[in-house]
Amino acid sequence: MNITRLSSKGQVVLPKAIREAHGWQPGTRLAVQEVPGGVLLRPAKPFPPTTFAQVEGSLKSRGRPKTLEEMDEGIRKAIRERHARGRY
């Protein structure tokens, strides 16, 4: 277990081993959540949650829409390619 201390300014230094294990660099934004028995730190999401209605139509489409069959075939093709590279 690592021990740290709260500064007079309310700052906490996370031990280097923890920062490295999570890949947290200086400037990483962390969300702080109160949980039973303490607090939970996790990387803050870069964007606030959105609904489909908020982002619908935000990207321009090129060409005709794909059919369900074309989308299914595209997924099958990507799975075959990923499997062939040994990346599941």
N, C-alpha and C. Protein backbone atom coordinates (compact mmCIF):
# COMPACT_ATOMS: atom_id res chain seq x y z
N MET A 1 0.85 -1.17 0.00
CA MET A 1 0.00 0.00 0.00
C MET A 1 0.89 1.23 0.00
N ASN A 2 0.53 2.20 -0.83
CA ASN A 2 1.24 3.47 -0.88
C ASN A 2 0.56 4.47 0.04
N ILE A 3 1.34 5.31 0.67
CA ILE A 3 0.82 6.34 1.57
C ILE A 3 1.22 7.69 1.00
N THR A 4 0.32 8.63 1.01
CA THR A 4 0.60 10.00 0.60
C THR A 4 -0.01 10.92 1.63
N ARG A 5 0.13 12.20 1.44
CA ARG A 5 -0.35 13.15 2.44
C ARG A 5 -1.06 14.30 1.74
N LEU A 6 -2.03 14.87 2.41
CA LEU A 6 -2.80 16.01 1.91
C LEU A 6 -2.06 17.29 2.29
N SER A 7 -1.79 18.15 1.32
CA SER A 7 -1.07 19.40 1.61
C SER A 7 -2.03 20.44 2.20
N SER A 8 -1.46 21.54 2.67
CA SER A 8 -2.29 22.62 3.23
C SER A 8 -3.18 23.24 2.16
N LYS A 9 -2.84 23.04 0.88
CA LYS A 9 -3.65 23.55 -0.23
C LYS A 9 -4.66 22.52 -0.73
N GLY A 10 -4.75 21.38 -0.06
CA GLY A 10 -5.68 20.34 -0.46
C GLY A 10 -5.18 19.48 -1.60
N GLN A 11 -3.88 19.51 -1.87
CA GLN A 11 -3.31 18.73 -2.96
C GLN A 11 -2.80 17.38 -2.45
N VAL A 12 -2.91 16.38 -3.32
CA VAL A 12 -2.42 15.03 -3.01
C VAL A 12 -1.44 14.64 -4.11
N VAL A 13 -0.29 14.12 -3.73
CA VAL A 13 0.67 13.62 -4.71
C VAL A 13 0.44 12.12 -4.85
N LEU A 14 0.17 11.70 -6.09
CA LEU A 14 -0.01 10.27 -6.35
C LEU A 14 1.37 9.64 -6.53
N PRO A 15 1.63 8.52 -5.89
CA PRO A 15 2.93 7.86 -6.03
C PRO A 15 3.26 7.57 -7.50
N LYS A 16 4.54 7.68 -7.82
CA LYS A 16 5.01 7.49 -9.19
C LYS A 16 4.57 6.15 -9.77
N ALA A 17 4.64 5.09 -8.98
CA ALA A 17 4.27 3.76 -9.48
C ALA A 17 2.81 3.74 -9.93
N ILE A 18 1.94 4.43 -9.21
CA ILE A 18 0.51 4.48 -9.58
C ILE A 18 0.34 5.30 -10.86
N ARG A 19 1.01 6.45 -10.93
CA ARG A 19 0.89 7.29 -12.14
C ARG A 19 1.38 6.53 -13.36
N GLU A 20 2.51 5.84 -13.23
CA GLU A 20 3.05 5.09 -14.36
C GLU A 20 2.15 3.92 -14.75
N ALA A 21 1.59 3.23 -13.77
CA ALA A 21 0.74 2.08 -14.05
C ALA A 21 -0.50 2.48 -14.85
N HIS A 22 -0.98 3.70 -14.61
CA HIS A 22 -2.18 4.17 -15.30
C HIS A 22 -1.86 5.06 -16.49
N GLY A 23 -0.59 5.38 -16.69
CA GLY A 23 -0.20 6.23 -17.81
C GLY A 23 -0.63 7.68 -17.61
N TRP A 24 -0.76 8.11 -16.36
CA TRP A 24 -1.19 9.48 -16.07
C TRP A 24 0.01 10.40 -16.11
N GLN A 25 -0.02 11.37 -17.00
CA GLN A 25 1.04 12.36 -17.16
C GLN A 25 0.64 13.65 -16.46
N PRO A 26 1.60 14.57 -16.24
CA PRO A 26 1.22 15.88 -15.68
C PRO A 26 0.15 16.52 -16.55
N GLY A 27 -0.84 17.07 -15.93
CA GLY A 27 -1.95 17.70 -16.66
C GLY A 27 -3.13 16.78 -16.91
N THR A 28 -3.00 15.49 -16.59
CA THR A 28 -4.12 14.57 -16.77
C THR A 28 -5.27 15.03 -15.88
N ARG A 29 -6.45 15.14 -16.47
CA ARG A 29 -7.63 15.54 -15.69
C ARG A 29 -8.24 14.30 -15.08
N LEU A 30 -8.48 14.35 -13.77
CA LEU A 30 -9.04 13.22 -13.05
C LEU A 30 -10.39 13.59 -12.46
N ALA A 31 -11.36 12.72 -12.64
CA ALA A 31 -12.66 12.89 -12.01
C ALA A 31 -12.57 12.29 -10.60
N VAL A 32 -13.11 13.00 -9.63
CA VAL A 32 -13.09 12.55 -8.24
C VAL A 32 -14.52 12.21 -7.85
N GLN A 33 -14.73 10.98 -7.38
CA GLN A 33 -16.06 10.53 -7.00
C GLN A 33 -16.03 10.03 -5.57
N GLU A 34 -16.97 10.49 -4.78
CA GLU A 34 -17.07 10.02 -3.40
C GLU A 34 -17.76 8.66 -3.41
N VAL A 35 -17.14 7.69 -2.76
CA VAL A 35 -17.69 6.33 -2.66
C VAL A 35 -17.66 5.92 -1.19
N PRO A 36 -18.43 4.91 -0.82
CA PRO A 36 -18.38 4.47 0.57
C PRO A 36 -16.94 4.12 0.98
N GLY A 37 -16.49 4.72 2.04
CA GLY A 37 -15.16 4.43 2.55
C GLY A 37 -14.04 5.24 1.94
N GLY A 38 -14.31 6.17 1.03
CA GLY A 38 -13.23 6.96 0.47
C GLY A 38 -13.61 7.69 -0.79
N VAL A 39 -12.62 7.85 -1.67
CA VAL A 39 -12.84 8.53 -2.95
C VAL A 39 -12.26 7.66 -4.06
N LEU A 40 -12.77 7.88 -5.27
CA LEU A 40 -12.33 7.14 -6.45
C LEU A 40 -11.82 8.16 -7.45
N LEU A 41 -10.62 7.94 -7.99
CA LEU A 41 -10.06 8.79 -9.04
C LEU A 41 -10.09 8.01 -10.34
N ARG A 42 -10.50 8.67 -11.40
CA ARG A 42 -10.44 8.07 -12.73
C ARG A 42 -10.24 9.18 -13.75
N PRO A 43 -9.65 8.87 -14.89
CA PRO A 43 -9.46 9.92 -15.90
C PRO A 43 -10.82 10.53 -16.28
N ALA A 44 -10.85 11.85 -16.36
CA ALA A 44 -12.08 12.54 -16.74
C ALA A 44 -12.33 12.31 -18.22
N LYS A 45 -13.57 12.12 -18.58
CA LYS A 45 -13.92 11.95 -19.99
C LYS A 45 -13.72 13.29 -20.69
N PRO A 46 -13.17 13.27 -21.90
CA PRO A 46 -12.86 14.54 -22.57
C PRO A 46 -14.10 15.33 -22.98
N PHE A 47 -15.23 14.67 -23.11
CA PHE A 47 -16.45 15.36 -23.54
C PHE A 47 -17.59 14.99 -22.61
N PRO A 48 -18.51 15.90 -22.38
CA PRO A 48 -19.66 15.55 -21.55
C PRO A 48 -20.55 14.55 -22.27
N PRO A 49 -21.34 13.77 -21.53
CA PRO A 49 -22.24 12.82 -22.17
C PRO A 49 -23.21 13.54 -23.11
N THR A 50 -23.51 12.92 -24.23
CA THR A 50 -24.44 13.50 -25.19
C THR A 50 -25.47 12.45 -25.60
N THR A 51 -26.53 12.93 -26.19
CA THR A 51 -27.55 12.03 -26.73
C THR A 51 -27.42 11.99 -28.24
N PHE A 52 -28.03 11.01 -28.84
CA PHE A 52 -27.99 10.90 -30.29
C PHE A 52 -28.58 12.15 -30.94
N ALA A 53 -29.66 12.66 -30.37
CA ALA A 53 -30.32 13.84 -30.94
C ALA A 53 -29.37 15.05 -30.98
N GLN A 54 -28.43 15.12 -30.03
CA GLN A 54 -27.51 16.25 -29.98
C GLN A 54 -26.43 16.18 -31.06
N VAL A 55 -26.10 14.99 -31.53
CA VAL A 55 -25.02 14.85 -32.51
C VAL A 55 -25.51 14.40 -33.88
N GLU A 56 -26.76 14.04 -33.98
CA GLU A 56 -27.34 13.58 -35.24
C GLU A 56 -27.12 14.62 -36.34
N GLY A 57 -26.61 14.15 -37.46
CA GLY A 57 -26.41 15.03 -38.60
C GLY A 57 -25.17 15.91 -38.51
N SER A 58 -24.32 15.69 -37.52
CA SER A 58 -23.14 16.54 -37.38
C SER A 58 -22.02 16.18 -38.36
N LEU A 59 -22.06 14.98 -38.92
CA LEU A 59 -21.06 14.57 -39.90
C LEU A 59 -21.69 14.52 -41.29
N LYS A 60 -20.93 15.01 -42.25
CA LYS A 60 -21.43 14.96 -43.63
C LYS A 60 -21.28 13.55 -44.16
N SER A 61 -22.26 13.13 -44.92
CA SER A 61 -22.19 11.79 -45.50
C SER A 61 -21.84 11.91 -46.97
N ARG A 62 -21.11 10.94 -47.46
CA ARG A 62 -20.74 10.91 -48.88
C ARG A 62 -21.37 9.68 -49.51
N GLY A 63 -22.02 9.87 -50.59
CA GLY A 63 -22.60 8.73 -51.29
C GLY A 63 -23.92 8.28 -50.68
N ARG A 64 -24.40 7.19 -51.21
CA ARG A 64 -25.69 6.67 -50.74
C ARG A 64 -25.52 5.95 -49.42
N PRO A 65 -26.58 5.87 -48.63
CA PRO A 65 -26.49 5.13 -47.37
C PRO A 65 -26.24 3.65 -47.63
N LYS A 66 -25.52 2.99 -46.74
CA LYS A 66 -25.24 1.55 -46.85
C LYS A 66 -26.47 0.76 -46.41
N THR A 67 -26.67 -0.37 -47.05
CA THR A 67 -27.76 -1.25 -46.64
C THR A 67 -27.30 -2.06 -45.43
N LEU A 68 -28.23 -2.69 -44.74
CA LEU A 68 -27.87 -3.54 -43.61
C LEU A 68 -26.96 -4.67 -44.06
N GLU A 69 -27.21 -5.21 -45.25
CA GLU A 69 -26.38 -6.29 -45.76
C GLU A 69 -24.94 -5.80 -45.99
N GLU A 70 -24.79 -4.59 -46.54
CA GLU A 70 -23.45 -4.04 -46.77
C GLU A 70 -22.74 -3.78 -45.45
N MET A 71 -23.46 -3.30 -44.45
CA MET A 71 -22.84 -3.07 -43.14
C MET A 71 -22.41 -4.39 -42.51
N ASP A 72 -23.29 -5.41 -42.59
CA ASP A 72 -22.94 -6.72 -42.05
C ASP A 72 -21.70 -7.29 -42.73
N GLU A 73 -21.63 -7.15 -44.06
CA GLU A 73 -20.47 -7.65 -44.79
C GLU A 73 -19.21 -6.89 -44.38
N GLY A 74 -19.31 -5.60 -44.19
CA GLY A 74 -18.16 -4.81 -43.74
C GLY A 74 -17.67 -5.27 -42.38
N ILE A 75 -18.58 -5.59 -41.48
CA ILE A 75 -18.20 -6.09 -40.16
C ILE A 75 -17.53 -7.44 -40.29
N ARG A 76 -18.11 -8.34 -41.10
CA ARG A 76 -17.49 -9.66 -41.31
C ARG A 76 -16.08 -9.53 -41.87
N LYS A 77 -15.91 -8.62 -42.84
CA LYS A 77 -14.60 -8.41 -43.45
C LYS A 77 -13.59 -7.92 -42.42
N ALA A 78 -13.99 -6.97 -41.59
CA ALA A 78 -13.07 -6.44 -40.56
C ALA A 78 -12.70 -7.52 -39.55
N ILE A 79 -13.65 -8.38 -39.19
CA ILE A 79 -13.37 -9.47 -38.26
C ILE A 79 -12.38 -10.45 -38.88
N ARG A 80 -12.59 -10.80 -40.16
CA ARG A 80 -11.66 -11.71 -40.84
C ARG A 80 -10.25 -11.12 -40.89
N GLU A 81 -10.15 -9.83 -41.22
CA GLU A 81 -8.84 -9.18 -41.31
C GLU A 81 -8.17 -9.13 -39.93
N ARG A 82 -8.92 -8.78 -38.91
CA ARG A 82 -8.35 -8.71 -37.56
C ARG A 82 -7.91 -10.10 -37.10
N HIS A 83 -8.73 -11.10 -37.40
CA HIS A 83 -8.38 -12.48 -37.02
C HIS A 83 -7.11 -12.92 -37.74
N ALA A 84 -6.97 -12.57 -39.02
CA ALA A 84 -5.78 -12.94 -39.79
C ALA A 84 -4.52 -12.31 -39.23
N ARG A 85 -4.64 -11.12 -38.63
CA ARG A 85 -3.48 -10.44 -38.03
C ARG A 85 -3.23 -10.90 -36.60
N GLY A 86 -4.12 -11.75 -36.07
CA GLY A 86 -3.95 -12.22 -34.71
C GLY A 86 -4.39 -11.22 -33.67
N ARG A 87 -5.20 -10.24 -34.06
CA ARG A 87 -5.71 -9.22 -33.12
C ARG A 87 -7.19 -9.43 -32.96
N TYR A 88 -7.59 -9.90 -31.81
CA TYR A 88 -9.01 -10.19 -31.59
C TYR A 88 -9.63 -9.00 -30.99
